[in-house]
Amino acid sequence: MLMRSKLNKWGNSWAIRVPGTFLKELSINPDHPLEINLDGQQIVIRKTSEPTLDELLEGVTVTNRHNLVDFDKPVGRELC
C-alpha cells in the first residue's frame, strides 16, 4: 500500500505522519518502539519490541559498569 506524506518541523526535530491504517495493520500504538535505519537512499522504519532484561544485561561490561557507591550506614526512616 503506497501513501504519500511529508516532513514537518517538530521542535528541533522533524516528524512524519504515518497513516492510522498502517499502524492498525501492524498493531502499533503510541510510544511503541521502532527501529529507524538508512538503507542507501531510503529511510526504513521497522516495528520492534522493548529489549528484555537479559538483552540489556548482555550489554553490561566491566568497562561500562558503574562503580559501587557507598552511602554509609542507614539513618532515620531508612532503618524501617
PDB file of N, CA and C in Angstrom:
ATOM      1  N   MET A   1       0.850  -1.171   0.000  1.00  0.00           N
ATOM      2  CA  MET A   1       0.000   0.000   0.000  1.00  0.00           C
ATOM      3  C   MET A   1       0.897   1.236   0.000  1.00  0.00           C
ATOM      4  N   LEU A   2       0.719   2.110  -0.935  1.00  0.00           N
ATOM      5  CA  LEU A   2       1.512   3.331  -1.047  1.00  0.00           C
ATOM      6  C   LEU A   2       0.690   4.518  -0.582  1.00  0.00           C
ATOM      7  N   MET A   3       1.293   5.345   0.246  1.00  0.00           N
ATOM      8  CA  MET A   3       0.658   6.581   0.687  1.00  0.00           C
ATOM      9  C   MET A   3       1.745   7.635   0.766  1.00  0.00           C
ATOM     10  N   ARG A   4       1.461   8.819   0.318  1.00  0.00           N
ATOM     11  CA  ARG A   4       2.445   9.897   0.348  1.00  0.00           C
ATOM     12  C   ARG A   4       2.262  10.736   1.603  1.00  0.00           C
ATOM     13  N   SER A   5       3.377  11.254   2.109  1.00  0.00           N
ATOM     14  CA  SER A   5       3.369  12.099   3.287  1.00  0.00           C
ATOM     15  C   SER A   5       4.474  13.124   3.120  1.00  0.00           C
ATOM     16  N   LYS A   6       4.628  14.008   4.087  1.00  0.00           N
ATOM     17  CA  LYS A   6       5.726  14.973   4.015  1.00  0.00           C
ATOM     18  C   LYS A   6       6.258  15.216   5.420  1.00  0.00           C
ATOM     19  N   LEU A   7       7.480  15.717   5.489  1.00  0.00           N
ATOM     20  CA  LEU A   7       8.109  16.032   6.761  1.00  0.00           C
ATOM     21  C   LEU A   7       7.566  17.336   7.313  1.00  0.00           C
ATOM     22  N   ASN A   8       7.440  17.396   8.623  1.00  0.00           N
ATOM     23  CA  ASN A   8       7.023  18.616   9.311  1.00  0.00           C
ATOM     24  C   ASN A   8       8.006  18.895  10.439  1.00  0.00           C
ATOM     25  N   LYS A   9       8.215  20.169  10.739  1.00  0.00           N
ATOM     26  CA  LYS A   9       9.089  20.560  11.827  1.00  0.00           C
ATOM     27  C   LYS A   9       8.376  20.277  13.144  1.00  0.00           C
ATOM     28  N   TRP A  10       9.097  19.692  14.120  1.00  0.00           N
ATOM     29  CA  TRP A  10       8.543  19.388  15.431  1.00  0.00           C
ATOM     30  C   TRP A  10       9.629  19.698  16.456  1.00  0.00           C
ATOM     31  N   GLY A  11       9.605  20.902  17.013  1.00  0.00           N
ATOM     32  CA  GLY A  11      10.677  21.357  17.905  1.00  0.00           C
ATOM     33  C   GLY A  11      11.963  21.449  17.124  1.00  0.00           C
ATOM     34  N   ASN A  12      13.028  20.818  17.629  1.00  0.00           N
ATOM     35  CA  ASN A  12      14.317  20.806  16.929  1.00  0.00           C
ATOM     36  C   ASN A  12      14.458  19.592  16.014  1.00  0.00           C
ATOM     37  N   SER A  13      13.397  18.812  15.901  1.00  0.00           N
ATOM     38  CA  SER A  13      13.436  17.595  15.089  1.00  0.00           C
ATOM     39  C   SER A  13      12.468  17.720  13.918  1.00  0.00           C
ATOM     40  N   TRP A  14      12.440  16.672  13.127  1.00  0.00           N
ATOM     41  CA  TRP A  14      11.499  16.577  12.018  1.00  0.00           C
ATOM     42  C   TRP A  14      10.604  15.372  12.271  1.00  0.00           C
ATOM     43  N   ALA A  15       9.380  15.445  11.821  1.00  0.00           N
ATOM     44  CA  ALA A  15       8.422  14.364  12.044  1.00  0.00           C
ATOM     45  C   ALA A  15       7.706  14.040  10.741  1.00  0.00           C
ATOM     46  N   ILE A  16       7.236  12.822  10.658  1.00  0.00           N
ATOM     47  CA  ILE A  16       6.436  12.397   9.510  1.00  0.00           C
ATOM     48  C   ILE A  16       5.165  11.756  10.054  1.00  0.00           C
ATOM     49  N   ARG A  17       4.055  12.053   9.456  1.00  0.00           N
ATOM     50  CA  ARG A  17       2.792  11.435   9.865  1.00  0.00           C
ATOM     51  C   ARG A  17       2.657  10.092   9.186  1.00  0.00           C
ATOM     52  N   VAL A  18       2.280   9.104   9.983  1.00  0.00           N
ATOM     53  CA  VAL A  18       2.089   7.751   9.465  1.00  0.00           C
ATOM     54  C   VAL A  18       0.590   7.469   9.494  1.00  0.00           C
ATOM     55  N   PRO A  19       0.035   7.023   8.390  1.00  0.00           N
ATOM     56  CA  PRO A  19      -1.406   6.748   8.349  1.00  0.00           C
ATOM     57  C   PRO A  19      -1.847   5.751   9.414  1.00  0.00           C
ATOM     58  N   GLY A  20      -2.978   6.029  10.034  1.00  0.00           N
ATOM     59  CA  GLY A  20      -3.527   5.151  11.060  1.00  0.00           C
ATOM     60  C   GLY A  20      -3.770   3.742  10.567  1.00  0.00           C
ATOM     61  N   THR A  21      -4.115   3.609   9.302  1.00  0.00           N
ATOM     62  CA  THR A  21      -4.355   2.259   8.760  1.00  0.00           C
ATOM     63  C   THR A  21      -3.074   1.415   8.795  1.00  0.00           C
ATOM     64  N   PHE A  22      -1.927   2.055   8.565  1.00  0.00           N
ATOM     65  CA  PHE A  22      -0.654   1.334   8.638  1.00  0.00           C
ATOM     66  C   PHE A  22      -0.409   0.860  10.067  1.00  0.00           C
ATOM     67  N   LEU A  23      -0.618   1.765  11.021  1.00  0.00           N
ATOM     68  CA  LEU A  23      -0.364   1.440  12.421  1.00  0.00           C
ATOM     69  C   LEU A  23      -1.313   0.353  12.920  1.00  0.00           C
ATOM     70  N   LYS A  24      -2.570   0.440  12.503  1.00  0.00           N
ATOM     71  CA  LYS A  24      -3.543  -0.574  12.894  1.00  0.00           C
ATOM     72  C   LYS A  24      -3.166  -1.937  12.319  1.00  0.00           C
ATOM     73  N   GLU A  25      -2.745  -1.959  11.070  1.00  0.00           N
ATOM     74  CA  GLU A  25      -2.336  -3.207  10.410  1.00  0.00           C
ATOM     75  C   GLU A  25      -1.183  -3.882  11.144  1.00  0.00           C
ATOM     76  N   LEU A  26      -0.257  -3.063  11.698  1.00  0.00           N
ATOM     77  CA  LEU A  26       0.919  -3.601  12.388  1.00  0.00           C
ATOM     78  C   LEU A  26       0.752  -3.670  13.906  1.00  0.00           C
ATOM     79  N   SER A  27      -0.445  -3.310  14.400  1.00  0.00           N
ATOM     80  CA  SER A  27      -0.708  -3.285  15.848  1.00  0.00           C
ATOM     81  C   SER A  27       0.306  -2.413  16.588  1.00  0.00           C
ATOM     82  N   ILE A  28       0.524  -1.213  16.067  1.00  0.00           N
ATOM     83  CA  ILE A  28       1.439  -0.260  16.687  1.00  0.00           C
ATOM     84  C   ILE A  28       0.613   0.824  17.368  1.00  0.00           C
ATOM     85  N   ASN A  29       0.922   1.072  18.634  1.00  0.00           N
ATOM     86  CA  ASN A  29       0.261   2.101  19.419  1.00  0.00           C
ATOM     87  C   ASN A  29       1.246   3.227  19.714  1.00  0.00           C
ATOM     88  N   PRO A  30       0.771   4.362  20.214  1.00  0.00           N
ATOM     89  CA  PRO A  30       1.696   5.442  20.587  1.00  0.00           C
ATOM     90  C   PRO A  30       2.774   4.928  21.548  1.00  0.00           C
ATOM     91  N   ASP A  31       3.974   5.439  21.406  1.00  0.00           N
ATOM     92  CA  ASP A  31       5.147   5.084  22.220  1.00  0.00           C
ATOM     93  C   ASP A  31       5.673   3.681  21.951  1.00  0.00           C
ATOM     94  N   HIS A  32       5.160   3.001  20.917  1.00  0.00           N
ATOM     95  CA  HIS A  32       5.694   1.681  20.562  1.00  0.00           C
ATOM     96  C   HIS A  32       7.113   1.875  20.028  1.00  0.00           C
ATOM     97  N   PRO A  33       8.079   1.048  20.457  1.00  0.00           N
ATOM     98  CA  PRO A  33       9.450   1.211  19.963  1.00  0.00           C
ATOM     99  C   PRO A  33       9.565   0.851  18.476  1.00  0.00           C
ATOM    100  N   LEU A  34      10.340   1.656  17.772  1.00  0.00           N
ATOM    101  CA  LEU A  34      10.589   1.458  16.349  1.00  0.00           C
ATOM    102  C   LEU A  34      12.081   1.523  16.086  1.00  0.00           C
ATOM    103  N   GLU A  35      12.529   0.865  15.036  1.00  0.00           N
ATOM    104  CA  GLU A  35      13.902   0.996  14.547  1.00  0.00           C
ATOM    105  C   GLU A  35      13.862   1.852  13.299  1.00  0.00           C
ATOM    106  N   ILE A  36      14.780   2.804  13.196  1.00  0.00           N
ATOM    107  CA  ILE A  36      14.873   3.652  12.009  1.00  0.00           C
ATOM    108  C   ILE A  36      16.285   3.512  11.464  1.00  0.00           C
ATOM    109  N   ASN A  37      16.395   3.084  10.209  1.00  0.00           N
ATOM    110  CA  ASN A  37      17.695   2.855   9.574  1.00  0.00           C
ATOM    111  C   ASN A  37      17.759   3.535   8.225  1.00  0.00           C
ATOM    112  N   LEU A  38      18.978   3.833   7.798  1.00  0.00           N
ATOM    113  CA  LEU A  38      19.214   4.279   6.431  1.00  0.00           C
ATOM    114  C   LEU A  38      19.649   3.076   5.617  1.00  0.00           C
ATOM    115  N   ASP A  39      19.051   2.897   4.466  1.00  0.00           N
ATOM    116  CA  ASP A  39      19.398   1.822   3.550  1.00  0.00           C
ATOM    117  C   ASP A  39      19.588   2.465   2.187  1.00  0.00           C
ATOM    118  N   GLY A  40      20.824   2.856   1.916  1.00  0.00           N
ATOM    119  CA  GLY A  40      21.085   3.596   0.675  1.00  0.00           C
ATOM    120  C   GLY A  40      20.394   4.943   0.737  1.00  0.00           C
ATOM    121  N   GLN A  41      19.489   5.186  -0.183  1.00  0.00           N
ATOM    122  CA  GLN A  41      18.734   6.437  -0.227  1.00  0.00           C
ATOM    123  C   GLN A  41      17.346   6.301   0.388  1.00  0.00           C
ATOM    124  N   GLN A  42      17.124   5.258   1.189  1.00  0.00           N
ATOM    125  CA  GLN A  42      15.818   5.023   1.785  1.00  0.00           C
ATOM    126  C   GLN A  42      15.898   5.075   3.305  1.00  0.00           C
ATOM    127  N   ILE A  43      14.853   5.603   3.919  1.00  0.00           N
ATOM    128  CA  ILE A  43      14.689   5.533   5.367  1.00  0.00           C
ATOM    129  C   ILE A  43      13.759   4.354   5.631  1.00  0.00           C
ATOM    130  N   VAL A  44      14.212   3.397   6.422  1.00  0.00           N
ATOM    131  CA  VAL A  44      13.434   2.190   6.709  1.00  0.00           C
ATOM    132  C   VAL A  44      13.010   2.243   8.174  1.00  0.00           C
ATOM    133  N   ILE A  45      11.703   2.142   8.410  1.00  0.00           N
ATOM    134  CA  ILE A  45      11.155   2.148   9.763  1.00  0.00           C
ATOM    135  C   ILE A  45      10.578   0.768  10.026  1.00  0.00           C
ATOM    136  N   ARG A  46      11.018   0.138  11.119  1.00  0.00           N
ATOM    137  CA  ARG A  46      10.560  -1.214  11.448  1.00  0.00           C
ATOM    138  C   ARG A  46       9.975  -1.260  12.848  1.00  0.00           C
ATOM    139  N   LYS A  47       8.923  -2.028  12.996  1.00  0.00           N
ATOM    140  CA  LYS A  47       8.349  -2.300  14.303  1.00  0.00           C
ATOM    141  C   LYS A  47       9.337  -3.172  15.069  1.00  0.00           C
ATOM    142  N   THR A  48       9.526  -2.883  16.325  1.00  0.00           N
ATOM    143  CA  THR A  48      10.405  -3.690  17.155  1.00  0.00           C
ATOM    144  C   THR A  48       9.752  -3.859  18.517  1.00  0.00           C
ATOM    145  N   SER A  49      10.448  -4.445  19.442  1.00  0.00           N
ATOM    146  CA  SER A  49       9.902  -4.633  20.783  1.00  0.00           C
ATOM    147  C   SER A  49      10.891  -4.077  21.802  1.00  0.00           C
ATOM    148  N   GLU A  50      10.406  -3.866  23.016  1.00  0.00           N
ATOM    149  CA  GLU A  50      11.281  -3.422  24.089  1.00  0.00           C
ATOM    150  C   GLU A  50      12.291  -4.525  24.368  1.00  0.00           C
ATOM    151  N   PRO A  51      13.550  -4.157  24.622  1.00  0.00           N
ATOM    152  CA  PRO A  51      14.520  -5.200  24.943  1.00  0.00           C
ATOM    153  C   PRO A  51      14.183  -5.853  26.281  1.00  0.00           C
ATOM    154  N   THR A  52      14.484  -7.133  26.378  1.00  0.00           N
ATOM    155  CA  THR A  52      14.262  -7.846  27.641  1.00  0.00           C
ATOM    156  C   THR A  52      15.396  -7.486  28.607  1.00  0.00           C
ATOM    157  N   LEU A  53      15.213  -7.809  29.868  1.00  0.00           N
ATOM    158  CA  LEU A  53      16.262  -7.560  30.854  1.00  0.00           C
ATOM    159  C   LEU A  53      17.527  -8.317  30.480  1.00  0.00           C
ATOM    160  N   ASP A  54      17.389  -9.547  30.019  1.00  0.00           N
ATOM    161  CA  ASP A  54      18.562 -10.330  29.611  1.00  0.00           C
ATOM    162  C   ASP A  54      19.314  -9.652  28.468  1.00  0.00           C
ATOM    163  N   GLU A  55      18.579  -9.107  27.494  1.00  0.00           N
ATOM    164  CA  GLU A  55      19.221  -8.408  26.375  1.00  0.00           C
ATOM    165  C   GLU A  55      19.958  -7.168  26.854  1.00  0.00           C
ATOM    166  N   LEU A  56      19.359  -6.426  27.781  1.00  0.00           N
ATOM    167  CA  LEU A  56      20.023  -5.246  28.329  1.00  0.00           C
ATOM    168  C   LEU A  56      21.275  -5.629  29.108  1.00  0.00           C
ATOM    169  N   LEU A  57      21.192  -6.706  29.895  1.00  0.00           N
ATOM    170  CA  LEU A  57      22.336  -7.126  30.702  1.00  0.00           C
ATOM    171  C   LEU A  57      23.483  -7.642  29.850  1.00  0.00           C
ATOM    172  N   GLU A  58      23.189  -8.141  28.641  1.00  0.00           N
ATOM    173  CA  GLU A  58      24.258  -8.583  27.734  1.00  0.00           C
ATOM    174  C   GLU A  58      25.197  -7.436  27.380  1.00  0.00           C
ATOM    175  N   GLY A  59      24.680  -6.199  27.419  1.00  0.00           N
ATOM    176  CA  GLY A  59      25.491  -5.032  27.082  1.00  0.00           C
ATOM    177  C   GLY A  59      26.350  -4.521  28.223  1.00  0.00           C
ATOM    178  N   VAL A  60      26.176  -5.070  29.434  1.00  0.00           N
ATOM    179  CA  VAL A  60      26.958  -4.619  30.586  1.00  0.00           C
ATOM    180  C   VAL A  60      28.326  -5.297  30.559  1.00  0.00           C
ATOM    181  N   THR A  61      29.367  -4.480  30.638  1.00  0.00           N
ATOM    182  CA  THR A  61      30.738  -4.998  30.669  1.00  0.00           C
ATOM    183  C   THR A  61      31.474  -4.364  31.841  1.00  0.00           C
ATOM    184  N   VAL A  62      32.672  -4.843  32.114  1.00  0.00           N
ATOM    185  CA  VAL A  62      33.481  -4.276  33.190  1.00  0.00           C
ATOM    186  C   VAL A  62      33.789  -2.804  32.900  1.00  0.00           C
ATOM    187  N   THR A  63      33.952  -2.453  31.645  1.00  0.00           N
ATOM    188  CA  THR A  63      34.336  -1.078  31.305  1.00  0.00           C
ATOM    189  C   THR A  63      33.161  -0.096  31.332  1.00  0.00           C
ATOM    190  N   ASN A  64      31.915  -0.555  31.166  1.00  0.00           N
ATOM    191  CA  ASN A  64      30.793   0.397  31.172  1.00  0.00           C
ATOM    192  C   ASN A  64      29.919   0.279  32.423  1.00  0.00           C
ATOM    193  N   ARG A  65      30.372  -0.522  33.385  1.00  0.00           N
ATOM    194  CA  ARG A  65      29.611  -0.710  34.616  1.00  0.00           C
ATOM    195  C   ARG A  65      29.975   0.394  35.607  1.00  0.00           C
ATOM    196  N   HIS A  66      28.982   0.901  36.315  1.00  0.00           N
ATOM    197  CA  HIS A  66      29.217   1.946  37.320  1.00  0.00           C
ATOM    198  C   HIS A  66      29.932   1.361  38.529  1.00  0.00           C
ATOM    199  N   ASN A  67      30.718   2.192  39.180  1.00  0.00           N
ATOM    200  CA  ASN A  67      31.374   1.781  40.415  1.00  0.00           C
ATOM    201  C   ASN A  67      30.364   1.740  41.549  1.00  0.00           C
ATOM    202  N   LEU A  68      30.654   0.934  42.549  1.00  0.00           N
ATOM    203  CA  LEU A  68      29.810   0.829  43.722  1.00  0.00           C
ATOM    204  C   LEU A  68      29.816   2.162  44.462  1.00  0.00           C
ATOM    205  N   VAL A  69      28.644   2.620  44.885  1.00  0.00           N
ATOM    206  CA  VAL A  69      28.528   3.859  45.647  1.00  0.00           C
ATOM    207  C   VAL A  69      28.091   3.496  47.055  1.00  0.00           C
ATOM    208  N   ASP A  70      28.876   3.868  48.038  1.00  0.00           N
ATOM    209  CA  ASP A  70      28.564   3.569  49.440  1.00  0.00           C
ATOM    210  C   ASP A  70      27.992   4.825  50.080  1.00  0.00           C
ATOM    211  N   PHE A  71      26.755   4.739  50.536  1.00  0.00           N
ATOM    212  CA  PHE A  71      26.095   5.877  51.163  1.00  0.00           C
ATOM    213  C   PHE A  71      26.186   5.814  52.688  1.00  0.00           C
ATOM    214  N   ASP A  72      27.069   4.986  53.205  1.00  0.00           N
ATOM    215  CA  ASP A  72      27.277   4.831  54.641  1.00  0.00           C
ATOM    216  C   ASP A  72      26.124   4.070  55.274  1.00  0.00           C
ATOM    217  N   LYS A  73      26.011   4.130  56.584  1.00  0.00           N
ATOM    218  CA  LYS A  73      25.011   3.366  57.317  1.00  0.00           C
ATOM    219  C   LYS A  73      23.628   4.010  57.170  1.00  0.00           C
ATOM    220  N   PRO A  74      22.558   3.192  57.242  1.00  0.00           N
ATOM    221  CA  PRO A  74      21.205   3.752  57.175  1.00  0.00           C
ATOM    222  C   PRO A  74      20.941   4.669  58.369  1.00  0.00           C
ATOM    223  N   VAL A  75      20.148   5.709  58.119  1.00  0.00           N
ATOM    224  CA  VAL A  75      19.767   6.643  59.184  1.00  0.00           C
ATOM    225  C   VAL A  75      18.284   6.924  59.079  1.00  0.00           C
ATOM    226  N   GLY A  76      17.693   7.381  60.183  1.00  0.00           N
ATOM    227  CA  GLY A  76      16.300   7.788  60.183  1.00  0.00           C
ATOM    228  C   GLY A  76      15.368   6.680  59.753  1.00  0.00           C
ATOM    229  N   ARG A  77      14.434   6.993  58.860  1.00  0.00           N
ATOM    230  CA  ARG A  77      13.406   6.046  58.440  1.00  0.00           C
ATOM    231  C   ARG A  77      13.940   4.948  57.519  1.00  0.00           C
ATOM    232  N   GLU A  78      15.185   5.075  57.077  1.00  0.00           N
ATOM    233  CA  GLU A  78      15.769   4.017  56.250  1.00  0.00           C
ATOM    234  C   GLU A  78      15.898   2.710  57.022  1.00  0.00           C
ATOM    235  N   LEU A  79      15.900   2.816  58.352  1.00  0.00           N
ATOM    236  CA  LEU A  79      16.047   1.631  59.191  1.00  0.00           C
ATOM    237  C   LEU A  79      14.816   0.752  59.164  1.00  0.00           C
ATOM    238  N   CYS A  80      13.649   1.284  58.799  1.00  0.00           N
ATOM    239  CA  CYS A  80      12.368   0.542  58.828  1.00  0.00           C
ATOM    240  C   CYS A  80      12.334  -0.545  57.802  1.00  0.00           C
TER     241      CYS A  80
END
